[in-house]
Amino acid sequence: MKMDTTYYFVGIKGTGMSALALILHDKGCQVLGSDIDKYTFTQRGLEDAGIEVLSFSEDNIKPGMTIIAGNAFSKDHEELQKAQELGLEILSYPDTVEMIIQETTSIAVAGAHGKTSTTGLLAHVLSGVAPTSFLVGDGSGKGIPDARFFVFEADEYRRHFVAYHPDYTIMTNIDFDHPDYFTSLEDVCDAFETLAMQTKKGIFMWGEDDNLRKLTADVPIYYYGTEESDDFRAVNIKRSTKGSNFDVYHHDEFLGNYDIPMFGKHNVLNSLAVIAVSYLDKVDQAEVKAELVTFKGVKRRFTEKKVADMVIIDDYAHHPAEITATLDAARQQYPNKEIIAVFQPHTFSRTIALQDEFATSLDNADQVFLIDIFGSAREKAGKITSADLGKKIKKGGTVLTEDNMSPLLDYKDAVVVFMGAGDIQKYEYEYEKLLSNLSLRNN
């Protein structure tokens, strides 16, 4: 990284951008940026680091800056136009990440689902045993000047991750998502194949994913999972209300017994990927065990709180496979409570393409409520509504509004799981206010 310039982030509040800004700041670089004025959950980390966040304006762009452009912004954005007029260097988010990748032993985490949770877990474990820089999709980032490892999330959307050439790659799964960009499942597989071919030392893939099994690479591929055909296996899995316990084997070699304070089969698999990559890079497994049991999770991934007599879970799940995994985790932790799902679909194209799968996954809850579809900068309208999706759901499907979350007050001593990648948290907050006010009146 260059120390004689100011790195200016256009769209600094984005989850990846805010984390990247924190890494450059930690490395001693001068960092500032701009974004919308609305408060976001990534903003606090920037504020705590003393990184200035400005409102969008071409007047922010000064000679001598190096511009890092968020993936959501095109060249006609006013700040990027000004940067071009001044002849400034403009880097994309992936270009900047690739520069950091080349500085140390790098481990990419890719996958349609689970990459943020797995990246956060791997960063936590490795940070406990060696100097580790990391870039997590929940907005967390840390830069260590002499790091042994760099752990980062590699996003497949618009093939952003094909800019990367990591030492190792974890691939959690392949699924058809982002139908506004990818034309088919085969198109998604082609993107992952490109990343596999650019990985330098080894790849760790979930062995029960048929699409991953079809990929080829010029480096060793290690499969992890629960089947005999996997190189790294989790066996004797025990699920409880406190987490999960399992044994791990590398072929016939017993690596140990591991406890994780997390729920759902997907978190066993995520932990197994972390164990596998740490084992191959000769990290002491006793230290790995100790770090696993202290993991507190990542932002907006099964974050829970208690309000009155209700448990409220906030999760980023916005794909049917993720919804299934989140509800499975809720069932494990709260086997004797009613599970109510509140889901906000994210993008019209995804909702249209996967509406039947959404209905099936949501029916794993005891009762389902929906929020209106959250669009995107590229997709503000579509030919489907949440009410249309609700008609396919057997366990309910009523659409809630921000000014009337009161139907949720009908449930007592239960679990409400809010899921979505849009602004669903504001609906959650409205429900919490209603619940708190009702509790005060009753007391």
Protein backbone atom coordinates (compact mmCIF):
# COMPACT_ATOMS: atom_id res chain seq x y z
CA MET A 1 0.00 0.00 0.00
CA LYS A 2 1.12 3.57 -0.67
CA MET A 3 1.68 5.85 2.32
CA ASP A 4 2.01 9.09 0.34
CA THR A 5 -1.63 9.30 -0.70
CA THR A 6 -5.10 9.54 0.83
CA TYR A 7 -7.35 6.61 0.02
CA TYR A 8 -10.84 7.96 -0.63
CA PHE A 9 -13.68 5.41 -0.53
CA VAL A 10 -16.76 6.13 -2.65
CA GLY A 11 -19.47 4.21 -0.78
CA ILE A 12 -17.47 3.70 2.41
CA LYS A 13 -20.44 2.39 4.45
CA GLY A 14 -20.84 -0.74 2.34
CA THR A 15 -20.09 -3.87 4.33
CA GLY A 16 -17.02 -4.80 2.31
CA MET A 17 -15.91 -1.20 1.80
CA SER A 18 -16.08 -0.28 5.49
CA ALA A 19 -14.04 -3.36 6.41
CA LEU A 20 -11.47 -2.56 3.71
CA ALA A 21 -11.24 1.03 4.94
CA LEU A 22 -10.51 -0.24 8.46
CA ILE A 23 -7.72 -2.50 7.15
CA LEU A 24 -5.99 0.34 5.29
CA HIS A 25 -6.40 2.58 8.32
CA ASP A 26 -4.81 -0.05 10.56
CA LYS A 27 -1.92 -0.33 8.14
CA GLY A 28 -1.18 3.35 8.65
CA CYS A 29 -2.78 4.72 5.48
CA GLN A 30 -4.73 7.99 5.35
CA VAL A 31 -8.39 7.04 4.82
CA LEU A 32 -11.70 8.87 4.42
CA GLY A 33 -14.78 8.44 2.27
CA SER A 34 -18.38 9.26 1.48
CA ASP A 35 -21.79 7.67 1.43
CA ILE A 36 -25.50 8.26 1.96
CA ASP A 37 -26.44 10.18 5.10
CA LYS A 38 -28.71 7.44 6.48
CA TYR A 39 -27.17 5.60 9.42
CA THR A 40 -25.99 2.03 8.75
CA PHE A 41 -24.76 -0.69 11.10
CA THR A 42 -21.25 -0.48 9.56
CA GLN A 43 -20.88 3.16 10.51
CA ARG A 44 -19.96 2.63 14.16
CA GLY A 45 -16.68 0.87 13.35
CA LEU A 46 -15.63 3.73 11.07
CA GLU A 47 -16.51 6.30 13.72
CA ASP A 48 -14.60 4.40 16.42
CA ALA A 49 -11.52 4.37 14.18
CA GLY A 50 -11.77 8.11 13.59
CA ILE A 51 -12.39 7.69 9.84
CA GLU A 52 -14.27 10.68 8.45
CA VAL A 53 -17.45 9.91 6.50
CA LEU A 54 -18.70 12.70 4.22
CA SER A 55 -21.88 13.16 2.22
CA PHE A 56 -21.49 12.55 -1.52
CA SER A 57 -20.12 15.64 -3.26
CA GLU A 58 -17.67 16.21 -6.09
CA ASP A 59 -16.06 18.87 -3.90
CA ASN A 60 -14.70 16.07 -1.67
CA ILE A 61 -12.32 14.89 -4.40
CA LYS A 62 -8.89 16.53 -4.19
CA PRO A 63 -5.65 16.23 -6.19
CA GLY A 64 -3.29 13.52 -4.94
CA MET A 65 -6.02 11.16 -3.73
CA THR A 66 -6.32 7.49 -4.70
CA ILE A 67 -9.95 6.62 -5.24
CA ILE A 68 -11.49 3.28 -4.28
CA ALA A 69 -14.85 2.87 -5.98
CA GLY A 70 -17.56 0.76 -4.39
CA ASN A 71 -19.02 -1.96 -6.58
CA ALA A 72 -22.44 -0.28 -6.58
CA PHE A 73 -21.23 2.91 -8.26
CA SER A 74 -20.75 3.52 -11.98
CA LYS A 75 -18.37 5.94 -13.66
CA ASP A 76 -21.09 8.59 -13.96
CA HIS A 77 -21.20 9.09 -10.17
CA GLU A 78 -20.33 12.74 -9.47
CA GLU A 79 -17.29 11.93 -7.32
CA LEU A 80 -15.90 9.43 -9.84
CA GLN A 81 -16.43 11.91 -12.67
CA LYS A 82 -14.46 14.52 -10.72
CA ALA A 83 -11.70 12.00 -10.06
CA GLN A 84 -11.45 11.25 -13.78
CA GLU A 85 -11.26 14.98 -14.56
CA LEU A 86 -8.35 15.32 -12.11
CA GLY A 87 -6.61 12.27 -13.56
CA LEU A 88 -6.62 10.43 -10.24
CA GLU A 89 -5.97 6.70 -9.90
CA ILE A 90 -9.29 4.88 -9.48
CA LEU A 91 -9.20 1.37 -8.02
CA SER A 92 -12.09 -1.04 -7.71
CA TYR A 93 -12.82 -2.84 -4.44
CA PRO A 94 -11.49 -6.17 -5.83
CA ASP A 95 -8.34 -4.47 -7.17
CA THR A 96 -7.57 -3.11 -3.70
CA VAL A 97 -8.21 -6.45 -1.98
CA GLU A 98 -5.89 -8.16 -4.48
CA MET A 99 -3.05 -5.81 -3.44
CA ILE A 100 -3.41 -6.98 0.17
CA ILE A 101 -3.67 -10.62 -0.92
CA GLN A 102 -0.18 -10.48 -2.38
CA GLU A 103 1.39 -9.29 0.90
CA THR A 104 0.94 -12.44 3.03
CA THR A 105 -0.51 -15.98 3.20
CA SER A 106 -4.05 -15.36 1.97
CA ILE A 107 -7.15 -17.46 2.52
CA ALA A 108 -10.28 -16.62 0.52
CA VAL A 109 -13.73 -17.77 1.61
CA ALA A 110 -16.25 -18.10 -1.20
CA GLY A 111 -19.70 -19.63 -1.50
CA ALA A 112 -23.31 -18.82 -2.23
CA HIS A 113 -24.06 -19.15 1.50
CA GLY A 114 -22.06 -19.15 4.70
CA LYS A 115 -19.06 -17.18 3.52
CA THR A 116 -19.45 -14.33 6.02
CA SER A 117 -19.89 -16.66 9.00
CA THR A 118 -16.99 -18.86 7.87
CA THR A 119 -14.72 -15.87 7.21
CA GLY A 120 -15.51 -14.43 10.63
CA LEU A 121 -14.87 -17.76 12.34
CA LEU A 122 -11.59 -18.36 10.48
CA ALA A 123 -10.44 -14.81 11.26
CA HIS A 124 -11.27 -15.31 14.94
CA VAL A 125 -9.43 -18.63 15.20
CA LEU A 126 -6.31 -17.58 13.31
CA SER A 127 -6.14 -14.20 15.09
CA GLY A 128 -5.86 -16.15 18.34
CA VAL A 129 -2.80 -18.10 17.20
CA ALA A 130 -0.92 -15.76 14.83
CA PRO A 131 -0.97 -12.15 13.57
CA THR A 132 -3.91 -12.08 11.14
CA SER A 133 -5.46 -9.40 8.96
CA PHE A 134 -9.07 -9.97 7.94
CA LEU A 135 -11.85 -8.61 5.78
CA VAL A 136 -15.33 -9.88 6.69
CA GLY A 137 -18.58 -9.16 4.87
CA ASP A 138 -20.30 -7.91 8.04
CA GLY A 139 -18.22 -4.73 7.93
CA SER A 140 -15.41 -6.00 10.18
CA GLY A 141 -11.83 -5.45 9.10
CA LYS A 142 -8.39 -5.32 10.68
CA GLY A 143 -4.97 -4.79 9.19
CA ILE A 144 -1.78 -6.07 10.80
CA PRO A 145 1.47 -4.75 9.22
CA ASP A 146 3.41 -8.03 9.63
CA ALA A 147 0.50 -10.49 9.50
CA ARG A 148 1.08 -14.18 8.90
CA PHE A 149 -2.43 -14.59 7.44
CA PHE A 150 -4.93 -12.50 5.50
CA VAL A 151 -8.45 -13.96 5.71
CA PHE A 152 -11.03 -12.41 3.41
CA GLU A 153 -14.49 -12.91 2.02
CA ALA A 154 -14.61 -13.45 -1.75
CA ASP A 155 -17.94 -12.43 -3.28
CA GLU A 156 -19.06 -14.11 -6.49
CA TYR A 157 -21.54 -11.38 -7.46
CA ARG A 158 -20.69 -9.95 -10.88
CA ARG A 159 -17.62 -12.21 -10.75
CA HIS A 160 -15.87 -9.80 -8.38
CA PHE A 161 -13.75 -12.61 -6.96
CA VAL A 162 -12.05 -13.38 -10.29
CA ALA A 163 -9.69 -10.50 -9.48
CA TYR A 164 -8.20 -12.60 -6.67
CA HIS A 165 -5.24 -15.00 -6.63
CA PRO A 166 -5.24 -16.36 -3.05
CA ASP A 167 -2.97 -19.01 -1.57
CA TYR A 168 -5.93 -21.04 -0.27
CA THR A 169 -9.66 -20.93 -0.95
CA ILE A 170 -12.55 -22.32 1.07
CA MET A 171 -15.69 -22.93 -1.02
CA THR A 172 -18.73 -23.54 1.17
CA ASN A 173 -21.21 -24.33 -1.63
CA ILE A 174 -22.50 -23.32 -5.06
CA ASP A 175 -26.11 -22.31 -5.61
CA PHE A 176 -28.02 -20.29 -8.17
CA ASP A 177 -28.30 -16.78 -6.79
CA HIS A 178 -28.07 -13.22 -8.13
CA PRO A 179 -30.35 -13.95 -11.12
CA ASP A 180 -30.06 -10.27 -12.07
CA TYR A 181 -26.49 -11.09 -13.16
CA PHE A 182 -25.89 -14.83 -13.52
CA THR A 183 -27.77 -16.45 -16.39
CA SER A 184 -27.85 -20.00 -14.98
CA LEU A 185 -26.36 -22.36 -12.42
CA GLU A 186 -23.74 -23.28 -15.02
CA ASP A 187 -22.76 -19.61 -15.24
CA VAL A 188 -22.24 -19.53 -11.45
CA CYS A 189 -20.15 -22.72 -11.64
CA ASP A 190 -18.01 -21.16 -14.34
CA ALA A 191 -17.21 -18.22 -12.05
CA PHE A 192 -16.18 -20.54 -9.22
CA GLU A 193 -14.06 -22.57 -11.62
CA THR A 194 -12.14 -19.40 -12.50
CA LEU A 195 -11.38 -18.70 -8.84
CA ALA A 196 -10.35 -22.33 -8.34
CA MET A 197 -7.89 -22.13 -11.21
CA GLN A 198 -6.38 -18.94 -9.75
CA THR A 199 -5.82 -20.41 -6.27
CA LYS A 200 -2.12 -21.07 -5.66
CA LYS A 201 -1.77 -23.78 -2.98
CA GLY A 202 -5.00 -25.61 -2.12
CA ILE A 203 -8.79 -25.53 -2.09
CA PHE A 204 -11.19 -26.74 0.62
CA MET A 205 -14.65 -27.68 -0.67
CA TRP A 206 -17.79 -28.98 0.97
CA GLY A 207 -17.83 -32.53 -0.30
CA GLU A 208 -21.61 -33.03 -0.39
CA ASP A 209 -22.10 -30.25 -2.93
CA ASP A 210 -22.37 -31.88 -6.36
CA ASN A 211 -21.57 -28.62 -8.13
CA LEU A 212 -18.34 -28.18 -6.20
CA ARG A 213 -17.36 -31.79 -6.93
CA LYS A 214 -17.43 -30.96 -10.65
CA LEU A 215 -14.83 -28.20 -10.37
CA THR A 216 -11.20 -28.74 -11.35
CA ALA A 217 -8.02 -26.94 -10.32
CA ASP A 218 -4.26 -27.08 -10.74
CA VAL A 219 -3.76 -27.38 -6.95
CA PRO A 220 -4.87 -30.05 -4.45
CA ILE A 221 -8.58 -30.09 -3.56
CA TYR A 222 -9.54 -31.20 -0.03
CA TYR A 223 -13.17 -32.10 0.59
CA TYR A 224 -14.75 -31.62 4.00
CA GLY A 225 -18.09 -32.92 5.22
CA THR A 226 -19.75 -35.86 6.93
CA GLU A 227 -19.34 -38.63 4.33
CA GLU A 228 -16.69 -41.37 4.00
CA SER A 229 -15.58 -39.88 0.68
CA ASP A 230 -14.50 -36.61 2.35
CA ASP A 231 -10.88 -35.89 3.27
CA PHE A 232 -11.91 -34.13 6.49
CA ARG A 233 -14.93 -35.59 8.28
CA ALA A 234 -17.12 -34.49 11.17
CA VAL A 235 -18.60 -37.57 12.87
CA ASN A 236 -20.50 -38.34 16.08
CA ILE A 237 -22.20 -34.94 15.87
CA LYS A 238 -24.13 -34.09 19.04
CA ARG A 239 -26.54 -31.14 19.03
CA SER A 240 -27.73 -29.45 22.21
CA THR A 241 -29.22 -26.18 23.36
CA LYS A 242 -25.69 -24.99 24.17
CA GLY A 243 -24.12 -25.71 20.76
CA SER A 244 -22.62 -28.66 18.89
CA ASN A 245 -19.93 -31.26 19.60
CA PHE A 246 -18.23 -33.51 17.05
CA ASP A 247 -15.13 -35.59 16.28
CA VAL A 248 -12.92 -34.77 13.30
CA TYR A 249 -10.89 -37.17 11.17
CA HIS A 250 -8.44 -36.47 8.36
CA HIS A 251 -8.82 -39.74 6.47
CA ASP A 252 -8.01 -42.26 9.25
CA GLU A 253 -6.19 -39.78 11.50
CA PHE A 254 -8.19 -38.58 14.51
CA LEU A 255 -7.66 -34.83 14.90
CA GLY A 256 -9.72 -34.39 18.03
CA ASN A 257 -13.08 -33.63 19.60
CA TYR A 258 -14.40 -30.09 19.11
CA ASP A 259 -17.06 -27.95 20.81
CA ILE A 260 -18.66 -24.94 19.14
CA PRO A 261 -21.14 -22.53 20.76
CA MET A 262 -23.14 -22.42 17.51
CA PHE A 263 -26.24 -24.09 16.17
CA GLY A 264 -27.29 -25.87 13.00
CA LYS A 265 -25.47 -28.33 10.74
CA HIS A 266 -24.12 -25.47 8.61
CA ASN A 267 -22.05 -24.20 11.54
CA VAL A 268 -20.53 -27.65 12.04
CA LEU A 269 -19.49 -27.58 8.38
CA ASN A 270 -18.16 -24.02 8.62
CA SER A 271 -16.09 -25.03 11.66
CA LEU A 272 -14.84 -28.13 9.85
CA ALA A 273 -13.56 -25.97 6.98
CA VAL A 274 -11.67 -23.80 9.49
CA ILE A 275 -10.20 -26.89 11.17
CA ALA A 276 -9.13 -28.33 7.79
CA VAL A 277 -7.33 -25.24 6.51
CA SER A 278 -5.63 -24.61 9.87
CA TYR A 279 -4.46 -28.25 10.00
CA LEU A 280 -2.95 -28.09 6.51
CA ASP A 281 -1.10 -24.90 7.42
CA LYS A 282 0.25 -26.63 10.56
CA VAL A 283 -1.66 -24.63 13.18
CA ASP A 284 -1.74 -26.37 16.57
CA GLN A 285 -5.17 -28.03 16.90
CA ALA A 286 -5.23 -27.50 20.66
CA GLU A 287 -5.15 -23.77 19.98
CA VAL A 288 -7.85 -24.13 17.31
CA LYS A 289 -10.10 -25.94 19.81
CA ALA A 290 -9.62 -23.19 22.38
CA GLU A 291 -10.44 -20.44 19.89
CA LEU A 292 -13.55 -22.16 18.50
CA VAL A 293 -15.30 -22.20 21.87
CA THR A 294 -14.86 -18.42 22.31
CA PHE A 295 -16.37 -17.35 18.97
CA LYS A 296 -19.22 -14.86 19.46
CA GLY A 297 -20.48 -14.79 15.87
CA VAL A 298 -20.54 -12.07 13.22
CA LYS A 299 -22.86 -9.12 12.80
CA ARG A 300 -26.37 -9.90 11.56
CA ARG A 301 -25.80 -13.67 11.58
CA PHE A 302 -28.10 -15.27 14.16
CA THR A 303 -27.79 -12.32 16.54
CA GLU A 304 -30.25 -12.77 19.39
CA LYS A 305 -31.73 -10.76 22.23
CA LYS A 306 -34.48 -11.18 24.83
CA VAL A 307 -37.32 -8.64 24.97
CA ALA A 308 -40.06 -9.29 27.51
CA ASP A 309 -40.85 -13.02 27.22
CA MET A 310 -39.77 -13.25 23.56
CA VAL A 311 -36.48 -14.27 21.95
CA ILE A 312 -35.71 -12.13 18.90
CA ILE A 313 -33.16 -13.35 16.34
CA ASP A 314 -31.76 -11.13 13.60
CA ASP A 315 -30.22 -12.85 10.57
CA TYR A 316 -29.02 -11.80 7.12
CA ALA A 317 -30.58 -14.89 5.44
CA HIS A 318 -32.02 -13.92 2.05
CA HIS A 319 -31.81 -17.17 0.05
CA PRO A 320 -33.89 -20.33 0.63
CA ALA A 321 -30.87 -22.40 1.67
CA GLU A 322 -29.89 -19.74 4.21
CA ILE A 323 -33.44 -19.55 5.58
CA THR A 324 -33.49 -23.32 6.05
CA ALA A 325 -30.15 -23.20 7.88
CA THR A 326 -31.22 -20.33 10.15
CA LEU A 327 -34.50 -21.99 11.12
CA ASP A 328 -32.66 -25.27 11.76
CA ALA A 329 -30.32 -23.44 14.13
CA ALA A 330 -33.28 -21.83 15.92
CA ARG A 331 -34.93 -25.24 16.36
CA GLN A 332 -31.73 -26.67 17.86
CA GLN A 333 -31.33 -23.87 20.36
CA TYR A 334 -35.01 -23.55 21.25
CA PRO A 335 -36.56 -26.99 20.69
CA ASN A 336 -39.55 -26.33 22.94
CA LYS A 337 -40.54 -22.89 21.67
CA GLU A 338 -42.73 -21.82 18.77
CA ILE A 339 -40.66 -20.41 15.88
CA ILE A 340 -42.12 -17.41 14.01
CA ALA A 341 -40.36 -16.29 10.83
CA VAL A 342 -40.51 -12.70 9.57
CA PHE A 343 -38.91 -12.50 6.13
CA GLN A 344 -38.16 -9.59 3.82
CA PRO A 345 -37.39 -10.77 0.26
CA HIS A 346 -34.38 -9.03 -1.29
CA THR A 347 -34.63 -8.07 -4.99
CA PHE A 348 -37.52 -8.83 -7.30
CA SER A 349 -35.49 -11.01 -9.65
CA ARG A 350 -34.39 -13.34 -6.82
CA THR A 351 -37.97 -13.55 -5.49
CA ILE A 352 -39.35 -14.45 -8.92
CA ALA A 353 -36.63 -17.01 -9.66
CA LEU A 354 -36.81 -18.77 -6.28
CA GLN A 355 -40.38 -18.21 -5.06
CA ASP A 356 -41.23 -21.92 -4.71
CA GLU A 357 -37.98 -22.59 -2.84
CA PHE A 358 -38.64 -19.59 -0.56
CA ALA A 359 -42.08 -20.96 0.32
CA THR A 360 -40.70 -24.43 1.11
CA SER A 361 -37.89 -23.11 3.30
CA LEU A 362 -40.11 -20.67 5.21
CA ASP A 363 -42.62 -23.42 5.97
CA ASN A 364 -39.97 -24.87 8.32
CA ALA A 365 -41.19 -22.23 10.78
CA ASP A 366 -44.38 -22.62 12.81
CA GLN A 367 -45.76 -19.33 11.48
CA VAL A 368 -44.57 -17.00 8.70
CA PHE A 369 -44.96 -13.26 8.15
CA LEU A 370 -43.54 -11.25 5.27
CA ILE A 371 -42.30 -7.70 4.66
CA ASP A 372 -42.56 -5.93 1.29
CA ILE A 373 -39.75 -6.77 -1.13
CA PHE A 374 -36.59 -4.70 -0.70
CA GLY A 375 -35.26 -3.68 -4.11
CA SER A 376 -31.78 -2.52 -5.06
CA ALA A 377 -30.10 0.40 -6.79
CA ARG A 378 -30.25 -1.58 -10.03
CA GLU A 379 -33.71 -3.05 -9.53
CA LYS A 380 -36.34 -0.78 -8.00
CA ALA A 381 -39.49 -2.61 -9.18
CA GLY A 382 -40.61 -5.99 -10.46
CA LYS A 383 -43.54 -8.20 -11.42
CA ILE A 384 -43.96 -9.91 -8.03
CA THR A 385 -44.96 -8.81 -4.54
CA SER A 386 -44.53 -10.28 -1.09
CA ALA A 387 -48.27 -10.94 -1.12
CA ASP A 388 -47.76 -13.15 -4.18
CA LEU A 389 -45.09 -15.10 -2.31
CA GLY A 390 -47.36 -15.32 0.73
CA LYS A 391 -49.96 -17.24 -1.28
CA LYS A 392 -47.47 -20.09 -1.71
CA ILE A 393 -46.68 -20.37 2.01
CA LYS A 394 -48.66 -22.92 4.03
CA LYS A 395 -47.70 -21.56 7.46
CA GLY A 396 -49.12 -18.06 6.97
CA GLY A 397 -47.70 -15.40 4.67
CA THR A 398 -49.37 -12.24 5.99
CA VAL A 399 -47.52 -9.08 4.91
CA LEU A 400 -46.63 -6.76 7.81
CA THR A 401 -46.05 -3.00 7.57
CA GLU A 402 -43.72 -0.82 9.60
CA ASP A 403 -46.64 1.03 11.21
CA ASN A 404 -48.44 -2.19 12.14
CA MET A 405 -46.28 -4.97 13.57
CA SER A 406 -48.95 -5.74 16.17
CA PRO A 407 -49.91 -9.21 14.77
CA LEU A 408 -46.63 -10.43 16.30
CA LEU A 409 -47.94 -9.49 19.74
CA ASP A 410 -50.27 -12.50 19.58
CA TYR A 411 -47.32 -14.80 20.37
CA LYS A 412 -46.04 -15.44 23.90
CA ASP A 413 -42.81 -17.07 25.14
CA ALA A 414 -41.76 -17.79 21.56
CA VAL A 415 -38.92 -17.08 19.10
CA VAL A 416 -39.28 -14.50 16.32
CA VAL A 417 -36.65 -14.78 13.58
CA PHE A 418 -36.24 -11.66 11.42
CA MET A 419 -34.49 -12.53 8.15
CA GLY A 420 -33.43 -10.39 5.20
CA ALA A 421 -30.64 -8.41 3.57
CA GLY A 422 -32.52 -5.12 3.23
CA ASP A 423 -33.85 -2.75 5.89
CA ILE A 424 -35.73 -5.39 7.89
CA GLN A 425 -34.08 -4.19 11.09
CA LYS A 426 -36.34 -1.14 11.20
CA TYR A 427 -39.36 -3.48 11.32
CA GLU A 428 -37.67 -5.47 14.05
CA TYR A 429 -37.14 -2.28 16.06
CA GLU A 430 -40.82 -1.33 15.71
CA TYR A 431 -41.84 -4.75 17.02
CA GLU A 432 -39.40 -4.43 19.93
CA LYS A 433 -40.90 -1.06 20.87
CA LEU A 434 -44.42 -2.50 20.82
CA LEU A 435 -43.28 -5.46 22.89
CA SER A 436 -41.48 -3.28 25.45
CA ASN A 437 -44.46 -0.92 25.79
CA LEU A 438 -46.84 -3.83 26.25
CA SER A 439 -44.58 -5.35 28.91
CA LEU A 440 -44.44 -2.01 30.79
CA ARG A 441 -48.24 -1.69 30.75
CA ASN A 442 -48.67 -5.25 32.02
CA ASN A 443 -46.25 -4.60 34.87
